[in-house]
Structures are given as structure tokens and as C-alpha cells.
Amino acid sequence: MDSSKILLYTCLGENPSYLQVFSFLMRSLMCHHHSPPCFDFLIIVDENLYAHVQKWISDVHFPFSIFLHQADTQSHAAYQDNNMAPSYLKLHLFDWPRVFSYDTALFIDADIIVPPHFDMRDFIVSQACNPEKLEDGCLYAMREFEDMCMHRMHYFDLHDYTDEEIAAFEEEGIYAFNTGLFSFKVNAEIKRIFSDILEMIHTTPDPRLFFYEQSFMNVYLNRTRRARYDVITHDHCELFVRPESAFVPKLLHFCGEASNGKSKGDFMHAFCSRNCPEILQHVGDQNKEENAS
């Protein structure tokens, strides 16, 4: 399984305060030394953060190959005056020229921590990016709730589901899912799906009325029956982590209410101080500089 080429990627945009959040993800990954590395890592950024991230990664020695790609956001009105626009960057993966050199990919939100006691290699190689577990043209995400009423919540819909669609979802076991962690086979079919979702966003009169990219991805992928929930599960990731949360040996996602980056970074710092100080040792002076700025 290790012979397949695996890409992990994240996205970052608009607000430099999210560099602190991003640093926790990257430094937590550095706690997991695999020789040889089982993945390459790509960061997709907008023009606002390209120079910041470029400097950040140039100052750090990573035990895996790392790449930086600036997405084109200037030509789309949907990205202007829209603080949700950085979340759309994950759908620009196929703008990166090297993407088709990989077999599978895993998107991981910048506000996720990989704790020291989580077997990241096994999760990536044997589970999330195992090509034997993935169908072509499907996206593997974690269902957030089992209640079918959640399809009509602001976080997962575009306010146009019919009663018949919700009934069909219930009958077929189609769930609202979180878009902070998902995997897929890299191929032309997924490229078309990402392009279709971007087109939905670009042609929506005001995409700010909906919840980041998550609303659009849920509606498109669930309506087309392209979402799967059996590879990445609650056994692998804990959602809505807060400083006071109990430690569990899973991926820790500090999702929830939108924040200005600094407050979320403070949450992550407080949690790590109490539960996994190894990550703070890796963050070290870099994090102090980010806080100072």
C-alpha cells in the first residue's frame, strides 16, 4: 500500500491570524516522523497569504516534501468582499499542475491537530488513502449527524431541498457531512466534481448566505450520491474540540463557530498545553513570533 503516491493538502487565505492555527496543524504533523515519508503536503493559498506562508515554510525543516500553490481568486466575483472565500480554495486543487502525479489525496483543515498518540501513518495508508477502499468519483468524508433534519440546517443546505429529497436521503442513509477532512482518488472525475461545485459557488448571487464551501459540497455530493461515510468515521476524528475537552487519541478538529484565527489559535494552544505539550515544543519560537505579530 505504501507504493501509492499520497497527497495531503490544506488551504489558507485572507487573514494572517490564521497562520497561528495553521502552525499547529503543521507542527503536529512533524511529531509523526515516518521514514520514508508516506505523503507529500500541499498548501493552497490566496494572494493575501502567499508571501506569509512562503516565509513560514522556508523557516521550518519538514520531514516530508512540501509545496505551495497560489490559487487564482481575482477573476471570480464570489471571492470579493467575502470572508468565507478562503474555504473555497480546497476546491482549486486541480489548478495545481502536479496533482495528477498522485493516486489519492486527503484534505485536512488547518484547524486540525494530529496528536502524538494517533497512528497517522496507519490512518493515511491503510484507511483514508487506501485505494482499495475508495471508489472512483466519490468523496469520503465524516458524517456529522445522523438526524436527517440536519440536512435543512444552515451548515449543510442551500435552502432548496424538497421533502421528497429528505425522505430519499433517510431511506438511502445519506447524511450531512463535515468538509474539514475528506479523501478521494485523484482522477478526472473528481476534477469535474470540484469544478461543478465551484461553478455553483460562482453562479450563486450571494454565496455568503450559506455556510462556507460546506453547504455547496453537501448539496452537490449528496444529491449526486457521490459522498461516502464509511472510510473516515468518528473513530478517527473528534469534532468541536475546545480547550476544556477531554483528550482522545484521534484527529482533533477545532471546528464550530467562525473565529478571527487568533481566538481559535488560543483554543488550540490551551488544549495542547494541557494534553499534548509535545506539539508546543515543535511550535516553539515560531508561534511566539506569530503571536507577537
Protein backbone atom coordinates (compact mmCIF):
# COMPACT_ATOMS: atom_id res chain seq x y z
CA MET A 1 0.00 0.00 0.00
CA ASP A 2 2.90 2.37 0.66
CA SER A 3 3.80 2.28 -3.04
CA SER A 4 0.84 4.52 -3.98
CA LYS A 5 1.55 8.24 -4.10
CA ILE A 6 -0.43 10.15 -1.48
CA LEU A 7 -1.02 13.88 -1.22
CA LEU A 8 -2.20 15.66 1.91
CA TYR A 9 -3.32 19.23 1.46
CA THR A 10 -4.82 22.18 3.29
CA CYS A 11 -5.83 25.72 2.37
CA LEU A 12 -5.30 29.12 3.92
CA GLY A 13 -6.38 32.59 2.91
CA GLU A 14 -7.25 36.21 3.63
CA ASN A 15 -6.42 36.64 7.32
CA PRO A 16 -2.79 36.37 8.59
CA SER A 17 -4.10 35.50 12.06
CA TYR A 18 -4.83 32.01 10.72
CA LEU A 19 -1.09 31.39 10.43
CA GLN A 20 -1.09 30.55 14.13
CA VAL A 21 -3.85 27.97 13.56
CA PHE A 22 -2.01 26.56 10.56
CA SER A 23 1.21 26.27 12.57
CA PHE A 24 -0.47 23.85 15.00
CA LEU A 25 -1.51 21.54 12.19
CA MET A 26 1.95 21.55 10.61
CA ARG A 27 3.89 21.16 13.85
CA SER A 28 1.60 18.34 14.99
CA LEU A 29 2.32 16.54 11.71
CA MET A 30 6.02 16.97 12.45
CA CYS A 31 5.57 14.92 15.62
CA HIS A 32 4.95 11.94 13.34
CA HIS A 33 8.32 11.05 11.80
CA HIS A 34 7.92 8.44 9.09
CA SER A 35 10.95 7.24 7.21
CA PRO A 36 10.44 7.35 4.35
CA PRO A 37 7.55 9.85 4.49
CA CYS A 38 4.24 8.35 3.39
CA PHE A 39 2.88 11.57 1.85
CA ASP A 40 3.70 14.91 0.25
CA PHE A 41 1.99 18.05 1.53
CA LEU A 42 0.43 20.91 -0.46
CA ILE A 43 -0.77 24.28 0.87
CA ILE A 44 -3.22 26.21 -1.32
CA VAL A 45 -3.30 29.93 -0.54
CA ASP A 46 -4.71 33.15 -1.95
CA GLU A 47 -2.67 36.19 -2.91
CA ASN A 48 -3.11 37.73 0.55
CA LEU A 49 -1.21 34.99 2.35
CA TYR A 50 1.18 33.64 -0.27
CA ALA A 51 4.21 35.64 0.95
CA HIS A 52 3.38 34.97 4.63
CA VAL A 53 3.13 31.21 4.14
CA GLN A 54 6.15 31.09 1.85
CA LYS A 55 8.26 32.72 4.56
CA TRP A 56 6.81 30.46 7.25
CA ILE A 57 7.62 27.22 5.46
CA SER A 58 11.08 28.47 4.43
CA ASP A 59 11.97 28.88 8.11
CA VAL A 60 10.99 25.32 9.05
CA HIS A 61 12.58 21.99 8.17
CA PHE A 62 9.83 19.48 7.39
CA PRO A 63 10.33 15.69 7.35
CA PHE A 64 8.16 15.46 4.21
CA SER A 65 8.06 17.24 0.85
CA ILE A 66 6.02 20.44 0.95
CA PHE A 67 4.58 22.53 -1.88
CA LEU A 68 2.84 25.91 -2.07
CA HIS A 69 0.27 26.90 -4.68
CA GLN A 70 -1.44 30.28 -5.12
CA ALA A 71 -4.98 29.91 -6.42
CA ASP A 72 -6.49 32.42 -8.85
CA THR A 73 -9.24 34.21 -6.94
CA GLN A 74 -9.11 37.59 -8.66
CA SER A 75 -11.26 36.61 -11.63
CA HIS A 76 -14.30 35.49 -9.63
CA ALA A 77 -16.78 37.90 -8.08
CA ALA A 78 -17.69 35.25 -5.47
CA TYR A 79 -14.32 35.86 -3.79
CA GLN A 80 -14.65 39.60 -3.42
CA ASP A 81 -15.71 41.03 -0.03
CA ASN A 82 -16.40 37.50 1.17
CA ASN A 83 -14.74 36.28 4.36
CA MET A 84 -15.88 32.75 3.52
CA ALA A 85 -13.87 32.71 0.28
CA PRO A 86 -10.73 31.04 1.76
CA SER A 87 -12.78 27.88 2.33
CA TYR A 88 -13.39 27.59 -1.44
CA LEU A 89 -9.64 27.19 -2.03
CA LYS A 90 -9.77 23.46 -1.29
CA LEU A 91 -11.78 23.05 -4.49
CA HIS A 92 -8.92 24.57 -6.52
CA LEU A 93 -6.71 21.51 -6.05
CA PHE A 94 -6.78 20.65 -9.74
CA ASP A 95 -5.33 24.02 -10.69
CA TRP A 96 -2.04 22.73 -9.28
CA PRO A 97 -0.04 21.29 -12.20
CA ARG A 98 1.42 18.32 -10.30
CA VAL A 99 -1.80 16.92 -8.86
CA PHE A 100 -2.16 14.04 -11.31
CA SER A 101 1.16 12.59 -10.19
CA TYR A 102 -0.69 11.35 -7.08
CA ASP A 103 -3.05 8.39 -6.71
CA THR A 104 -5.07 9.55 -3.70
CA ALA A 105 -5.47 12.73 -1.67
CA LEU A 106 -6.59 13.73 1.80
CA PHE A 107 -7.78 17.24 2.60
CA ILE A 108 -7.16 18.27 6.21
CA ASP A 109 -8.41 21.57 7.62
CA ALA A 110 -5.84 23.96 9.08
CA ASP A 111 -7.66 23.84 12.45
CA ILE A 112 -7.00 20.13 12.96
CA ILE A 113 -4.30 18.78 15.28
CA VAL A 114 -2.70 15.37 14.82
CA PRO A 115 -1.97 14.28 18.42
CA PRO A 116 1.18 12.30 19.24
CA HIS A 117 -0.73 9.15 20.21
CA PHE A 118 -2.68 8.91 16.95
CA ASP A 119 -1.31 6.50 14.33
CA MET A 120 -1.32 8.92 11.41
CA ARG A 121 0.57 6.64 9.06
CA ASP A 122 -1.89 3.80 9.52
CA PHE A 123 -4.85 6.16 9.12
CA ILE A 124 -3.47 7.59 5.88
CA VAL A 125 -2.04 4.47 4.24
CA SER A 126 -4.45 1.77 5.43
CA GLN A 127 -7.65 3.77 5.69
CA ALA A 128 -8.24 7.24 4.29
CA CYS A 129 -5.96 6.96 1.25
CA ASN A 130 -6.06 3.23 0.70
CA PRO A 131 -7.05 2.93 -2.99
CA GLU A 132 -8.64 -0.44 -2.32
CA LYS A 133 -11.20 1.27 -0.08
CA LEU A 134 -12.01 4.19 -2.42
CA GLU A 135 -14.36 4.24 -5.41
CA ASP A 136 -13.63 6.41 -8.43
CA GLY A 137 -15.54 9.70 -8.40
CA CYS A 138 -16.56 9.51 -4.73
CA LEU A 139 -15.57 11.71 -1.81
CA TYR A 140 -15.06 10.12 1.61
CA ALA A 141 -15.99 12.42 4.49
CA MET A 142 -17.21 12.04 8.04
CA ARG A 143 -20.91 12.28 8.69
CA GLU A 144 -21.54 14.95 11.27
CA PHE A 145 -25.00 13.93 12.49
CA GLU A 146 -27.39 11.02 11.94
CA ASP A 147 -30.51 13.19 12.29
CA MET A 148 -31.96 13.81 8.82
CA CYS A 149 -33.26 17.21 9.98
CA MET A 150 -29.64 18.40 9.81
CA HIS A 151 -29.85 18.44 6.01
CA ARG A 152 -32.00 21.54 6.39
CA MET A 153 -29.67 23.28 8.82
CA HIS A 154 -27.80 26.36 7.57
CA TYR A 155 -24.49 24.47 7.77
CA PHE A 156 -25.43 21.83 5.19
CA ASP A 157 -28.00 23.14 2.72
CA LEU A 158 -28.83 25.80 0.15
CA HIS A 159 -32.45 26.16 1.32
CA ASP A 160 -33.89 24.24 -1.63
CA TYR A 161 -34.23 20.61 -0.56
CA THR A 162 -37.69 19.15 -1.11
CA ASP A 163 -39.50 16.89 1.35
CA GLU A 164 -39.11 14.09 -1.19
CA GLU A 165 -35.33 14.52 -1.26
CA ILE A 166 -35.06 14.38 2.53
CA ALA A 167 -37.22 11.24 2.60
CA ALA A 168 -34.95 9.65 -0.03
CA PHE A 169 -31.87 10.61 1.99
CA GLU A 170 -33.35 8.88 5.04
CA GLU A 171 -34.21 5.76 3.07
CA GLU A 172 -30.76 5.56 1.46
CA GLY A 173 -28.70 6.55 4.53
CA ILE A 174 -27.39 9.83 3.15
CA TYR A 175 -26.07 12.15 5.86
CA ALA A 176 -24.91 15.71 6.40
CA PHE A 177 -21.12 15.63 6.49
CA ASN A 178 -18.23 17.75 7.67
CA THR A 179 -15.90 19.05 4.93
CA GLY A 180 -12.84 19.56 7.14
CA LEU A 181 -11.44 16.09 6.45
CA PHE A 182 -12.06 14.07 3.31
CA SER A 183 -10.24 11.77 0.89
CA PHE A 184 -10.62 10.64 -2.70
CA LYS A 185 -8.89 9.07 -5.67
CA VAL A 186 -7.21 11.69 -7.82
CA ASN A 187 -8.73 11.47 -11.30
CA ALA A 188 -10.61 13.41 -13.96
CA GLU A 189 -13.98 12.54 -12.44
CA ILE A 190 -13.18 14.22 -9.12
CA LYS A 191 -11.72 17.17 -11.03
CA ARG A 192 -15.07 17.59 -12.80
CA ILE A 193 -16.95 17.35 -9.50
CA PHE A 194 -14.78 20.05 -7.90
CA SER A 195 -15.29 22.22 -11.00
CA ASP A 196 -19.07 21.74 -10.82
CA ILE A 197 -19.14 22.77 -7.15
CA LEU A 198 -17.02 25.84 -7.88
CA GLU A 199 -19.44 26.73 -10.67
CA MET A 200 -22.32 26.51 -8.17
CA ILE A 201 -20.48 28.93 -5.90
CA HIS A 202 -19.51 31.31 -8.70
CA THR A 203 -23.07 31.49 -10.08
CA THR A 204 -24.81 31.90 -6.72
CA PRO A 205 -25.87 35.57 -6.44
CA ASP A 206 -24.56 35.84 -2.87
CA PRO A 207 -22.69 32.76 -1.63
CA ARG A 208 -22.15 34.49 1.71
CA LEU A 209 -25.74 33.49 2.59
CA PHE A 210 -24.57 29.91 3.00
CA PHE A 211 -22.05 28.15 5.23
CA TYR A 212 -18.68 28.40 3.55
CA GLU A 213 -17.99 25.65 0.99
CA GLN A 214 -19.66 23.05 3.22
CA SER A 215 -23.22 23.90 2.16
CA PHE A 216 -22.35 23.61 -1.53
CA MET A 217 -20.36 20.39 -1.16
CA ASN A 218 -23.10 18.72 0.90
CA VAL A 219 -25.85 19.60 -1.55
CA TYR A 220 -23.92 18.64 -4.67
CA LEU A 221 -22.34 15.43 -3.38
CA ASN A 222 -25.43 14.15 -1.57
CA ARG A 223 -27.76 14.92 -4.45
CA THR A 224 -25.45 13.13 -6.87
CA ARG A 225 -24.89 10.27 -4.39
CA ARG A 226 -21.13 10.82 -4.51
CA ALA A 227 -20.49 11.17 -0.75
CA ARG A 228 -19.39 8.20 1.34
CA TYR A 229 -19.11 7.95 5.13
CA ASP A 230 -17.55 4.53 5.78
CA VAL A 231 -13.82 5.28 5.47
CA ILE A 232 -13.40 8.36 7.69
CA THR A 233 -15.53 7.99 10.80
CA HIS A 234 -15.89 9.22 14.36
CA ASP A 235 -13.35 6.55 15.31
CA HIS A 236 -10.74 8.68 13.53
CA CYS A 237 -11.71 12.29 14.25
CA GLU A 238 -13.21 14.26 17.13
CA LEU A 239 -15.25 17.33 16.15
CA PHE A 240 -15.87 20.56 18.08
CA VAL A 241 -12.80 20.29 20.30
CA ARG A 242 -12.42 23.06 22.87
CA PRO A 243 -9.72 23.84 25.47
CA GLU A 244 -11.68 22.03 28.17
CA SER A 245 -12.40 18.93 26.01
CA ALA A 246 -11.19 15.56 27.22
CA PHE A 247 -8.21 14.22 25.31
CA VAL A 248 -8.90 11.38 22.88
CA PRO A 249 -6.31 9.72 20.58
CA LYS A 250 -7.98 10.90 17.37
CA LEU A 251 -7.54 13.74 14.92
CA LEU A 252 -8.76 16.79 16.82
CA HIS A 253 -10.84 19.27 14.84
CA PHE A 254 -11.36 22.67 16.44
CA CYS A 255 -14.36 23.37 14.22
CA GLY A 256 -17.51 25.24 15.18
CA GLU A 257 -18.28 28.91 15.16
CA ALA A 258 -16.27 31.11 12.85
CA SER A 259 -13.44 32.95 14.55
CA ASN A 260 -10.78 35.51 13.75
CA GLY A 261 -7.98 32.96 13.74
CA LYS A 262 -6.29 34.24 16.87
CA SER A 263 -9.06 33.08 19.20
CA LYS A 264 -9.01 29.63 17.58
CA GLY A 265 -5.23 29.56 17.84
CA ASP A 266 -5.56 30.39 21.53
CA PHE A 267 -8.02 27.50 21.93
CA MET A 268 -5.56 25.13 20.30
CA HIS A 269 -2.67 26.40 22.42
CA ALA A 270 -4.65 25.97 25.64
CA PHE A 271 -5.67 22.44 24.69
CA CYS A 272 -2.13 21.44 23.78
CA SER A 273 -0.72 22.93 26.96
CA ARG A 274 -2.95 20.61 28.97
CA ASN A 275 -2.95 17.49 26.81
CA CYS A 276 -0.10 17.27 24.30
CA PRO A 277 2.79 19.61 25.15
CA GLU A 278 4.98 17.79 22.59
CA ILE A 279 3.25 19.85 19.90
CA LEU A 280 4.11 23.09 21.69
CA GLN A 281 7.75 22.07 21.70
CA HIS A 282 7.59 21.84 17.93
CA VAL A 283 5.72 25.15 17.64
CA GLY A 284 8.31 26.86 19.82
CA ASP A 285 9.69 30.25 18.83
CA GLN A 286 7.75 30.33 15.57
CA ASN A 287 4.47 30.51 17.47
CA LYS A 288 5.82 33.29 19.69
CA GLU A 289 6.66 35.32 16.61
CA GLU A 290 3.16 34.79 15.21
CA ASN A 291 1.57 35.90 18.46
CA ALA A 292 3.81 38.97 18.56
CA SER A 293 2.77 39.94 15.05
